[in-house]
Amino acid sequence: MGHWFSRNIVEPGKLPMLLALTSFIVTFLVTRAVVRLIRAGKGPFKNVSSGGLHIHHVVPGVVLTVLGGFGAVASDRHGVGGAVFAVVFGIGAGLVLDEFALILHLDDVYWSDEGRKSVEVVVLTASMVLLALSGFSPLGVDDMTSDERQDRATFLLTLAVNFLFILVTLVKGKFRMAVIGTLVPFVAIVGAVRLARPGSWWSRRFYRRRHRARARSRIRTYRHDKRWTRIRRRFQDLIGGFQERVPGRGSGSTPS
């Protein structure tokens, strides 16, 4: 295990990415746990305010993301500095994307239905980084045999093809299917070949004059949402906490 880790993570310079991903996921989970305690009035954590102004944790998140990003660019991927700044960047990105919905709507929708977008974006981001991290890069690894190089090139080609299916699925408006496709290879083929969701870029571009396709798309979307919405909400609530249906209830404040 140690030899594999050194050969495929440390030697190609992927350790900073692994540290950034780990700190990103841990920060998101810890932040969600803390704000749920704040909302329930439990524990020592309180909302942070300055001069009557409520400070959301996206604020220190932006500062840490900028600091970690510039520091990582200026550091060596194989050095201690790169590893430290990668952790700082991961923490900052976790704080920022945990309040992605607030940034998108410019409103405190942390505990509303709109706030679920933050959970979805975090899952998608972690999935994409994990996908890149798991790729066996043929670059930066010494003393590879021709068979190893061919296997890695084939693997990268598979990732590239899968990524194209994910992009088609996204432009067809099937965000969650694209997320699953980053975790399970070629699941995105299902979303890529089936009809696009109404209102998506693909639907507006290619279904403009295909009235039958638009009608079938609306029917399929209605049936799909009716079947899966309740299950999806339970999963999101398990990760991000119970969401209110009335926007603006509660807040995702920075833990003190």
C-alpha atoms as a PDB file:
ATOM      1  CA  MET A   1       0.000   0.000   0.000  1.00  0.00           C
ATOM      2  CA  GLY A   2       2.833   2.347   0.872  1.00  0.00           C
ATOM      3  CA  HIS A   3       4.555   1.658  -2.451  1.00  0.00           C
ATOM      4  CA  TRP A   4       1.296   2.228  -4.392  1.00  0.00           C
ATOM      5  CA  PHE A   5       0.632   5.486  -2.535  1.00  0.00           C
ATOM      6  CA  SER A   6       4.146   6.768  -3.161  1.00  0.00           C
ATOM      7  CA  ARG A   7       4.139   5.752  -6.820  1.00  0.00           C
ATOM      8  CA  ASN A   8       0.665   6.987  -7.795  1.00  0.00           C
ATOM      9  CA  ILE A   9       0.044   9.890  -5.407  1.00  0.00           C
ATOM     10  CA  VAL A  10       3.312  11.326  -4.111  1.00  0.00           C
ATOM     11  CA  GLU A  11       5.529  10.793  -7.153  1.00  0.00           C
ATOM     12  CA  PRO A  12       3.129  12.392  -9.725  1.00  0.00           C
ATOM     13  CA  GLY A  13       2.548  15.328  -7.343  1.00  0.00           C
ATOM     14  CA  LYS A  14      -1.058  14.445  -6.436  1.00  0.00           C
ATOM     15  CA  LEU A  15      -0.595  14.694  -2.669  1.00  0.00           C
ATOM     16  CA  PRO A  16      -1.716  18.365  -2.503  1.00  0.00           C
ATOM     17  CA  MET A  17      -4.894  17.468  -4.414  1.00  0.00           C
ATOM     18  CA  LEU A  18      -5.598  14.595  -2.019  1.00  0.00           C
ATOM     19  CA  LEU A  19      -5.051  16.856   0.992  1.00  0.00           C
ATOM     20  CA  ALA A  20      -7.249  19.575  -0.506  1.00  0.00           C
ATOM     21  CA  LEU A  21     -10.055  17.090  -1.225  1.00  0.00           C
ATOM     22  CA  THR A  22      -9.846  15.583   2.261  1.00  0.00           C
ATOM     23  CA  SER A  23      -9.896  18.959   4.005  1.00  0.00           C
ATOM     24  CA  PHE A  24     -12.733  20.089   1.704  1.00  0.00           C
ATOM     25  CA  ILE A  25     -14.960  17.130   2.614  1.00  0.00           C
ATOM     26  CA  VAL A  26     -14.103  17.235   6.332  1.00  0.00           C
ATOM     27  CA  THR A  27     -14.745  20.997   6.474  1.00  0.00           C
ATOM     28  CA  PHE A  28     -18.134  20.631   4.807  1.00  0.00           C
ATOM     29  CA  LEU A  29     -19.222  17.831   7.149  1.00  0.00           C
ATOM     30  CA  VAL A  30     -17.963  19.619  10.282  1.00  0.00           C
ATOM     31  CA  THR A  31     -19.563  22.899   9.209  1.00  0.00           C
ATOM     32  CA  ARG A  32     -22.914  21.223   8.585  1.00  0.00           C
ATOM     33  CA  ALA A  33     -22.735  19.559  11.993  1.00  0.00           C
ATOM     34  CA  VAL A  34     -21.904  22.855  13.742  1.00  0.00           C
ATOM     35  CA  VAL A  35     -24.628  24.920  12.072  1.00  0.00           C
ATOM     36  CA  ARG A  36     -27.169  22.208  12.879  1.00  0.00           C
ATOM     37  CA  LEU A  37     -26.123  22.467  16.537  1.00  0.00           C
ATOM     38  CA  ILE A  38     -26.424  26.253  16.355  1.00  0.00           C
ATOM     39  CA  ARG A  39     -29.880  25.949  14.832  1.00  0.00           C
ATOM     40  CA  ALA A  40     -30.945  23.506  17.568  1.00  0.00           C
ATOM     41  CA  GLY A  41     -29.476  25.713  20.303  1.00  0.00           C
ATOM     42  CA  LYS A  42     -27.105  23.002  21.485  1.00  0.00           C
ATOM     43  CA  GLY A  43     -23.418  23.123  22.319  1.00  0.00           C
ATOM     44  CA  PRO A  44     -21.099  26.086  22.801  1.00  0.00           C
ATOM     45  CA  PHE A  45     -21.339  27.338  19.217  1.00  0.00           C
ATOM     46  CA  LYS A  46     -23.023  30.668  18.454  1.00  0.00           C
ATOM     47  CA  ASN A  47     -23.608  32.889  15.454  1.00  0.00           C
ATOM     48  CA  VAL A  48     -20.807  35.341  14.686  1.00  0.00           C
ATOM     49  CA  SER A  49     -21.736  39.011  14.380  1.00  0.00           C
ATOM     50  CA  SER A  50     -19.770  42.243  14.174  1.00  0.00           C
ATOM     51  CA  GLY A  51     -21.460  45.548  14.854  1.00  0.00           C
ATOM     52  CA  GLY A  52     -24.857  43.959  14.373  1.00  0.00           C
ATOM     53  CA  LEU A  53     -23.778  42.479  11.021  1.00  0.00           C
ATOM     54  CA  HIS A  54     -24.229  38.716  10.687  1.00  0.00           C
ATOM     55  CA  ILE A  55     -21.043  37.081   9.355  1.00  0.00           C
ATOM     56  CA  HIS A  56     -21.648  34.005   7.215  1.00  0.00           C
ATOM     57  CA  HIS A  57     -18.904  31.418   6.970  1.00  0.00           C
ATOM     58  CA  VAL A  58     -18.556  32.116   3.256  1.00  0.00           C
ATOM     59  CA  VAL A  59     -16.597  35.246   4.269  1.00  0.00           C
ATOM     60  CA  PRO A  60     -13.637  33.509   5.950  1.00  0.00           C
ATOM     61  CA  GLY A  61     -14.036  30.828   3.285  1.00  0.00           C
ATOM     62  CA  VAL A  62     -13.290  33.315   0.518  1.00  0.00           C
ATOM     63  CA  VAL A  63     -10.233  34.603   2.403  1.00  0.00           C
ATOM     64  CA  LEU A  64      -8.856  31.092   2.938  1.00  0.00           C
ATOM     65  CA  THR A  65      -9.586  30.062  -0.658  1.00  0.00           C
ATOM     66  CA  VAL A  66      -7.699  33.068  -2.041  1.00  0.00           C
ATOM     67  CA  LEU A  67      -4.796  32.557   0.372  1.00  0.00           C
ATOM     68  CA  GLY A  68      -4.579  28.833  -0.286  1.00  0.00           C
ATOM     69  CA  GLY A  69      -4.965  29.215  -4.040  1.00  0.00           C
ATOM     70  CA  PHE A  70      -2.227  31.794  -4.497  1.00  0.00           C
ATOM     71  CA  GLY A  71       0.000  29.955  -2.026  1.00  0.00           C
ATOM     72  CA  ALA A  72      -0.443  26.670  -3.869  1.00  0.00           C
ATOM     73  CA  VAL A  73       0.378  28.294  -7.213  1.00  0.00           C
ATOM     74  CA  ALA A  74       3.581  29.734  -5.760  1.00  0.00           C
ATOM     75  CA  SER A  75       4.605  26.464  -4.082  1.00  0.00           C
ATOM     76  CA  ASP A  76       6.149  23.231  -5.279  1.00  0.00           C
ATOM     77  CA  ARG A  77       3.711  20.312  -5.575  1.00  0.00           C
ATOM     78  CA  HIS A  78       6.231  18.081  -3.841  1.00  0.00           C
ATOM     79  CA  GLY A  79       7.098  20.474  -1.043  1.00  0.00           C
ATOM     80  CA  VAL A  80       5.673  21.084   2.415  1.00  0.00           C
ATOM     81  CA  GLY A  81       4.385  24.514   1.387  1.00  0.00           C
ATOM     82  CA  GLY A  82       2.226  23.065  -1.368  1.00  0.00           C
ATOM     83  CA  ALA A  83       0.690  20.559   1.050  1.00  0.00           C
ATOM     84  CA  VAL A  84      -0.063  23.235   3.659  1.00  0.00           C
ATOM     85  CA  PHE A  85      -1.641  25.635   1.184  1.00  0.00           C
ATOM     86  CA  ALA A  86      -3.649  22.760  -0.321  1.00  0.00           C
ATOM     87  CA  VAL A  87      -5.215  22.133   3.079  1.00  0.00           C
ATOM     88  CA  VAL A  88      -5.938  25.864   3.497  1.00  0.00           C
ATOM     89  CA  PHE A  89      -7.550  25.949   0.050  1.00  0.00           C
ATOM     90  CA  GLY A  90      -9.656  22.862   0.788  1.00  0.00           C
ATOM     91  CA  ILE A  91     -10.943  24.367   4.034  1.00  0.00           C
ATOM     92  CA  GLY A  92     -11.808  27.634   2.319  1.00  0.00           C
ATOM     93  CA  ALA A  93     -13.534  25.906  -0.597  1.00  0.00           C
ATOM     94  CA  GLY A  94     -15.573  23.801   1.825  1.00  0.00           C
ATOM     95  CA  LEU A  95     -16.792  26.919   3.657  1.00  0.00           C
ATOM     96  CA  VAL A  96     -17.598  28.751   0.405  1.00  0.00           C
ATOM     97  CA  LEU A  97     -19.461  25.955  -1.366  1.00  0.00           C
ATOM     98  CA  ASP A  98     -21.417  25.113   1.774  1.00  0.00           C
ATOM     99  CA  GLU A  99     -23.126  28.462   1.172  1.00  0.00           C
ATOM    100  CA  PHE A 100     -23.193  28.246  -2.616  1.00  0.00           C
ATOM    101  CA  ALA A 101     -26.978  28.678  -2.635  1.00  0.00           C
ATOM    102  CA  LEU A 102     -26.656  31.912  -0.640  1.00  0.00           C
ATOM    103  CA  ILE A 103     -24.211  33.280  -3.221  1.00  0.00           C
ATOM    104  CA  LEU A 104     -26.407  32.144  -6.113  1.00  0.00           C
ATOM    105  CA  HIS A 105     -29.634  33.669  -4.770  1.00  0.00           C
ATOM    106  CA  LEU A 106     -28.039  36.578  -2.878  1.00  0.00           C
ATOM    107  CA  ASP A 107     -30.338  35.663   0.003  1.00  0.00           C
ATOM    108  CA  ASP A 108     -30.105  33.635   3.208  1.00  0.00           C
ATOM    109  CA  VAL A 109     -31.617  30.424   1.839  1.00  0.00           C
ATOM    110  CA  TYR A 110     -29.386  28.053   3.810  1.00  0.00           C
ATOM    111  CA  TRP A 111     -32.268  26.092   5.352  1.00  0.00           C
ATOM    112  CA  SER A 112     -34.720  26.496   2.477  1.00  0.00           C
ATOM    113  CA  ASP A 113     -35.391  24.245  -0.505  1.00  0.00           C
ATOM    114  CA  GLU A 114     -33.082  26.481  -2.539  1.00  0.00           C
ATOM    115  CA  GLY A 115     -30.342  25.722  -0.038  1.00  0.00           C
ATOM    116  CA  ARG A 116     -30.210  22.138  -1.285  1.00  0.00           C
ATOM    117  CA  LYS A 117     -28.162  23.392  -4.222  1.00  0.00           C
ATOM    118  CA  SER A 118     -25.203  23.799  -1.879  1.00  0.00           C
ATOM    119  CA  VAL A 119     -25.258  20.095  -1.023  1.00  0.00           C
ATOM    120  CA  GLU A 120     -25.521  19.143  -4.695  1.00  0.00           C
ATOM    121  CA  VAL A 121     -22.615  21.405  -5.691  1.00  0.00           C
ATOM    122  CA  VAL A 122     -20.418  20.045  -2.891  1.00  0.00           C
ATOM    123  CA  VAL A 123     -21.148  16.453  -3.925  1.00  0.00           C
ATOM    124  CA  LEU A 124     -20.441  17.268  -7.585  1.00  0.00           C
ATOM    125  CA  THR A 125     -17.184  19.064  -6.730  1.00  0.00           C
ATOM    126  CA  ALA A 126     -15.940  16.234  -4.526  1.00  0.00           C
ATOM    127  CA  SER A 127     -16.883  13.708  -7.213  1.00  0.00           C
ATOM    128  CA  MET A 128     -15.015  15.560  -9.960  1.00  0.00           C
ATOM    129  CA  VAL A 129     -11.876  15.997  -7.842  1.00  0.00           C
ATOM    130  CA  LEU A 130     -12.018  12.341  -6.803  1.00  0.00           C
ATOM    131  CA  LEU A 131     -12.364  11.381 -10.459  1.00  0.00           C
ATOM    132  CA  ALA A 132      -9.262  13.393 -11.356  1.00  0.00           C
ATOM    133  CA  LEU A 133      -7.385  12.073  -8.344  1.00  0.00           C
ATOM    134  CA  SER A 134      -8.164   8.440  -9.110  1.00  0.00           C
ATOM    135  CA  GLY A 135      -6.886   8.718 -12.668  1.00  0.00           C
ATOM    136  CA  PHE A 136      -3.610   6.894 -13.054  1.00  0.00           C
ATOM    137  CA  SER A 137      -1.634   9.628 -14.771  1.00  0.00           C
ATOM    138  CA  PRO A 138       1.062   8.358 -17.141  1.00  0.00           C
ATOM    139  CA  LEU A 139       3.003  11.539 -16.421  1.00  0.00           C
ATOM    140  CA  GLY A 140       5.302  12.021 -13.455  1.00  0.00           C
ATOM    141  CA  VAL A 141       5.780   8.296 -12.720  1.00  0.00           C
ATOM    142  CA  ASP A 142       9.214   6.833 -13.344  1.00  0.00           C
ATOM    143  CA  ASP A 143      10.272   3.392 -14.580  1.00  0.00           C
ATOM    144  CA  MET A 144       6.937   2.325 -16.067  1.00  0.00           C
ATOM    145  CA  THR A 145       6.744  -0.667 -18.341  1.00  0.00           C
ATOM    146  CA  SER A 146       5.080  -0.420 -21.749  1.00  0.00           C
ATOM    147  CA  ASP A 147       2.095  -2.423 -20.449  1.00  0.00           C
ATOM    148  CA  GLU A 148       1.669  -0.034 -17.498  1.00  0.00           C
ATOM    149  CA  ARG A 149       1.826   2.978 -19.791  1.00  0.00           C
ATOM    150  CA  GLN A 150      -0.744   1.456 -22.146  1.00  0.00           C
ATOM    151  CA  ASP A 151      -3.086   0.563 -19.265  1.00  0.00           C
ATOM    152  CA  ARG A 152      -2.894   4.098 -17.887  1.00  0.00           C
ATOM    153  CA  ALA A 153      -3.453   5.655 -21.311  1.00  0.00           C
ATOM    154  CA  THR A 154      -6.513   3.432 -21.800  1.00  0.00           C
ATOM    155  CA  PHE A 155      -7.818   4.425 -18.391  1.00  0.00           C
ATOM    156  CA  LEU A 156      -7.400   8.136 -19.173  1.00  0.00           C
ATOM    157  CA  LEU A 157      -9.176   7.674 -22.514  1.00  0.00           C
ATOM    158  CA  THR A 158     -12.053   5.985 -20.656  1.00  0.00           C
ATOM    159  CA  LEU A 159     -12.235   8.919 -18.241  1.00  0.00           C
ATOM    160  CA  ALA A 160     -12.301  11.388 -21.147  1.00  0.00           C
ATOM    161  CA  VAL A 161     -15.151   9.548 -22.891  1.00  0.00           C
ATOM    162  CA  ASN A 162     -17.103   9.318 -19.643  1.00  0.00           C
ATOM    163  CA  PHE A 163     -16.547  13.034 -19.085  1.00  0.00           C
ATOM    164  CA  LEU A 164     -18.100  13.796 -22.485  1.00  0.00           C
ATOM    165  CA  PHE A 165     -21.216  11.843 -21.503  1.00  0.00           C
ATOM    166  CA  ILE A 166     -21.307  13.814 -18.241  1.00  0.00           C
ATOM    167  CA  LEU A 167     -21.164  17.120 -20.137  1.00  0.00           C
ATOM    168  CA  VAL A 168     -24.041  16.080 -22.436  1.00  0.00           C
ATOM    169  CA  THR A 169     -26.043  15.013 -19.383  1.00  0.00           C
ATOM    170  CA  LEU A 170     -25.426  18.416 -17.768  1.00  0.00           C
ATOM    171  CA  VAL A 171     -26.561  20.433 -20.806  1.00  0.00           C
ATOM    172  CA  LYS A 172     -29.658  18.242 -20.920  1.00  0.00           C
ATOM    173  CA  GLY A 173     -30.491  19.540 -17.446  1.00  0.00           C
ATOM    174  CA  LYS A 174     -29.833  16.283 -15.563  1.00  0.00           C
ATOM    175  CA  PHE A 175     -27.545  17.578 -12.854  1.00  0.00           C
ATOM    176  CA  ARG A 176     -27.953  14.711 -10.393  1.00  0.00           C
ATOM    177  CA  MET A 177     -27.447  12.065 -13.069  1.00  0.00           C
ATOM    178  CA  ALA A 178     -24.194  13.811 -13.991  1.00  0.00           C
ATOM    179  CA  VAL A 179     -23.086  13.677 -10.352  1.00  0.00           C
ATOM    180  CA  ILE A 180     -23.774   9.936 -10.213  1.00  0.00           C
ATOM    181  CA  GLY A 181     -21.941   9.551 -13.521  1.00  0.00           C
ATOM    182  CA  THR A 182     -18.766  11.000 -11.998  1.00  0.00           C
ATOM    183  CA  LEU A 183     -18.864   8.317  -9.313  1.00  0.00           C
ATOM    184  CA  VAL A 184     -20.098   5.331 -11.343  1.00  0.00           C
ATOM    185  CA  PRO A 185     -18.495   5.073 -14.819  1.00  0.00           C
ATOM    186  CA  PHE A 186     -20.807   5.405 -17.821  1.00  0.00           C
ATOM    187  CA  VAL A 187     -24.009   5.834 -15.822  1.00  0.00           C
ATOM    188  CA  ALA A 188     -24.173   9.234 -17.531  1.00  0.00           C
ATOM    189  CA  ILE A 189     -24.834   7.439 -20.827  1.00  0.00           C
ATOM    190  CA  VAL A 190     -28.434   7.015 -19.665  1.00  0.00           C
ATOM    191  CA  GLY A 191     -28.825  10.753 -19.167  1.00  0.00           C
ATOM    192  CA  ALA A 192     -26.996  11.541 -22.412  1.00  0.00           C
ATOM    193  CA  VAL A 193     -29.174   9.407 -24.701  1.00  0.00           C
ATOM    194  CA  ARG A 194     -32.570  10.108 -23.132  1.00  0.00           C
ATOM    195  CA  LEU A 195     -34.694  13.200 -23.673  1.00  0.00           C
ATOM    196  CA  ALA A 196     -33.538  16.474 -22.132  1.00  0.00           C
ATOM    197  CA  ARG A 197     -35.408  18.118 -19.268  1.00  0.00           C
ATOM    198  CA  PRO A 198     -37.721  21.039 -20.162  1.00  0.00           C
ATOM    199  CA  GLY A 199     -35.970  24.396 -19.926  1.00  0.00           C
ATOM    200  CA  SER A 200     -32.472  22.936 -20.310  1.00  0.00           C
ATOM    201  CA  TRP A 201     -30.004  24.299 -22.854  1.00  0.00           C
ATOM    202  CA  TRP A 202     -30.416  21.147 -24.996  1.00  0.00           C
ATOM    203  CA  SER A 203     -34.198  21.457 -24.951  1.00  0.00           C
ATOM    204  CA  ARG A 204     -34.128  25.120 -25.980  1.00  0.00           C
ATOM    205  CA  ARG A 205     -31.573  24.469 -28.707  1.00  0.00           C
ATOM    206  CA  PHE A 206     -32.787  21.217 -30.287  1.00  0.00           C
ATOM    207  CA  TYR A 207     -36.460  20.852 -29.321  1.00  0.00           C
ATOM    208  CA  ARG A 208     -37.565  24.274 -30.546  1.00  0.00           C
ATOM    209  CA  ARG A 209     -39.473  22.823 -33.484  1.00  0.00           C
ATOM    210  CA  ARG A 210     -39.912  19.271 -32.179  1.00  0.00           C
ATOM    211  CA  HIS A 211     -43.261  19.637 -30.441  1.00  0.00           C
ATOM    212  CA  ARG A 212     -43.657  15.918 -29.816  1.00  0.00           C
ATOM    213  CA  ALA A 213     -40.214  15.696 -28.178  1.00  0.00           C
ATOM    214  CA  ARG A 214     -41.046  18.656 -25.903  1.00  0.00           C
ATOM    215  CA  ALA A 215     -44.327  17.039 -24.860  1.00  0.00           C
ATOM    216  CA  ARG A 216     -42.658  13.679 -24.137  1.00  0.00           C
ATOM    217  CA  SER A 217     -39.943  15.479 -22.206  1.00  0.00           C
ATOM    218  CA  ARG A 218     -42.461  17.199 -19.929  1.00  0.00           C
ATOM    219  CA  ILE A 219     -44.325  13.942 -19.263  1.00  0.00           C
ATOM    220  CA  ARG A 220     -41.154  12.002 -18.484  1.00  0.00           C
ATOM    221  CA  THR A 221     -39.859  14.766 -16.227  1.00  0.00           C
ATOM    222  CA  TYR A 222     -43.123  14.863 -14.284  1.00  0.00           C
ATOM    223  CA  ARG A 223     -43.132  11.089 -13.771  1.00  0.00           C
ATOM    224  CA  HIS A 224     -39.454  11.029 -12.816  1.00  0.00           C
ATOM    225  CA  ASP A 225     -39.753  13.854 -10.293  1.00  0.00           C
ATOM    226  CA  LYS A 226     -42.869  12.346  -8.763  1.00  0.00           C
ATOM    227  CA  ARG A 227     -41.070   9.044  -8.254  1.00  0.00           C
ATOM    228  CA  TRP A 228     -37.676  10.264  -6.979  1.00  0.00           C
ATOM    229  CA  THR A 229     -38.150  13.662  -5.306  1.00  0.00           C
ATOM    230  CA  ARG A 230     -39.026  12.242  -1.882  1.00  0.00           C
ATOM    231  CA  ILE A 231     -36.038   9.863  -1.898  1.00  0.00           C
ATOM    232  CA  ARG A 232     -33.704  12.643  -3.020  1.00  0.00           C
ATOM    233  CA  ARG A 233     -34.929  14.972  -0.277  1.00  0.00           C
ATOM    234  CA  ARG A 234     -34.260  12.340   2.386  1.00  0.00           C
ATOM    235  CA  PHE A 235     -30.709  11.870   1.126  1.00  0.00           C
ATOM    236  CA  GLN A 236     -30.055  15.621   1.047  1.00  0.00           C
ATOM    237  CA  ASP A 237     -31.518  16.062   4.531  1.00  0.00           C
ATOM    238  CA  LEU A 238     -29.283  13.266   5.796  1.00  0.00           C
ATOM    239  CA  ILE A 239     -26.184  15.118   4.572  1.00  0.00           C
ATOM    240  CA  GLY A 240     -27.128  18.760   4.911  1.00  0.00           C
ATOM    241  CA  GLY A 241     -29.848  18.767   7.566  1.00  0.00           C
ATOM    242  CA  PHE A 242     -33.594  19.230   7.307  1.00  0.00           C
ATOM    243  CA  GLN A 243     -34.553  22.032   4.915  1.00  0.00           C
ATOM    244  CA  GLU A 244     -37.524  24.316   5.499  1.00  0.00           C
ATOM    245  CA  ARG A 245     -39.945  24.945   2.673  1.00  0.00           C
ATOM    246  CA  VAL A 246     -40.148  28.645   3.485  1.00  0.00           C
ATOM    247  CA  PRO A 247     -37.067  30.507   2.184  1.00  0.00           C
ATOM    248  CA  GLY A 248     -35.073  32.585   4.636  1.00  0.00           C
ATOM    249  CA  ARG A 249     -35.683  30.490   7.767  1.00  0.00           C
ATOM    250  CA  GLY A 250     -32.583  29.978   9.910  1.00  0.00           C
ATOM    251  CA  SER A 251     -29.066  30.710   8.794  1.00  0.00           C
ATOM    252  CA  GLY A 252     -25.777  29.101   8.046  1.00  0.00           C
ATOM    253  CA  SER A 253     -23.619  31.280  10.224  1.00  0.00           C
ATOM    254  CA  THR A 254     -19.980  30.948  10.948  1.00  0.00           C
ATOM    255  CA  PRO A 255     -19.277  28.941  14.064  1.00  0.00           C
ATOM    256  CA  SER A 256     -17.362  30.875  16.654  1.00  0.00           C
END
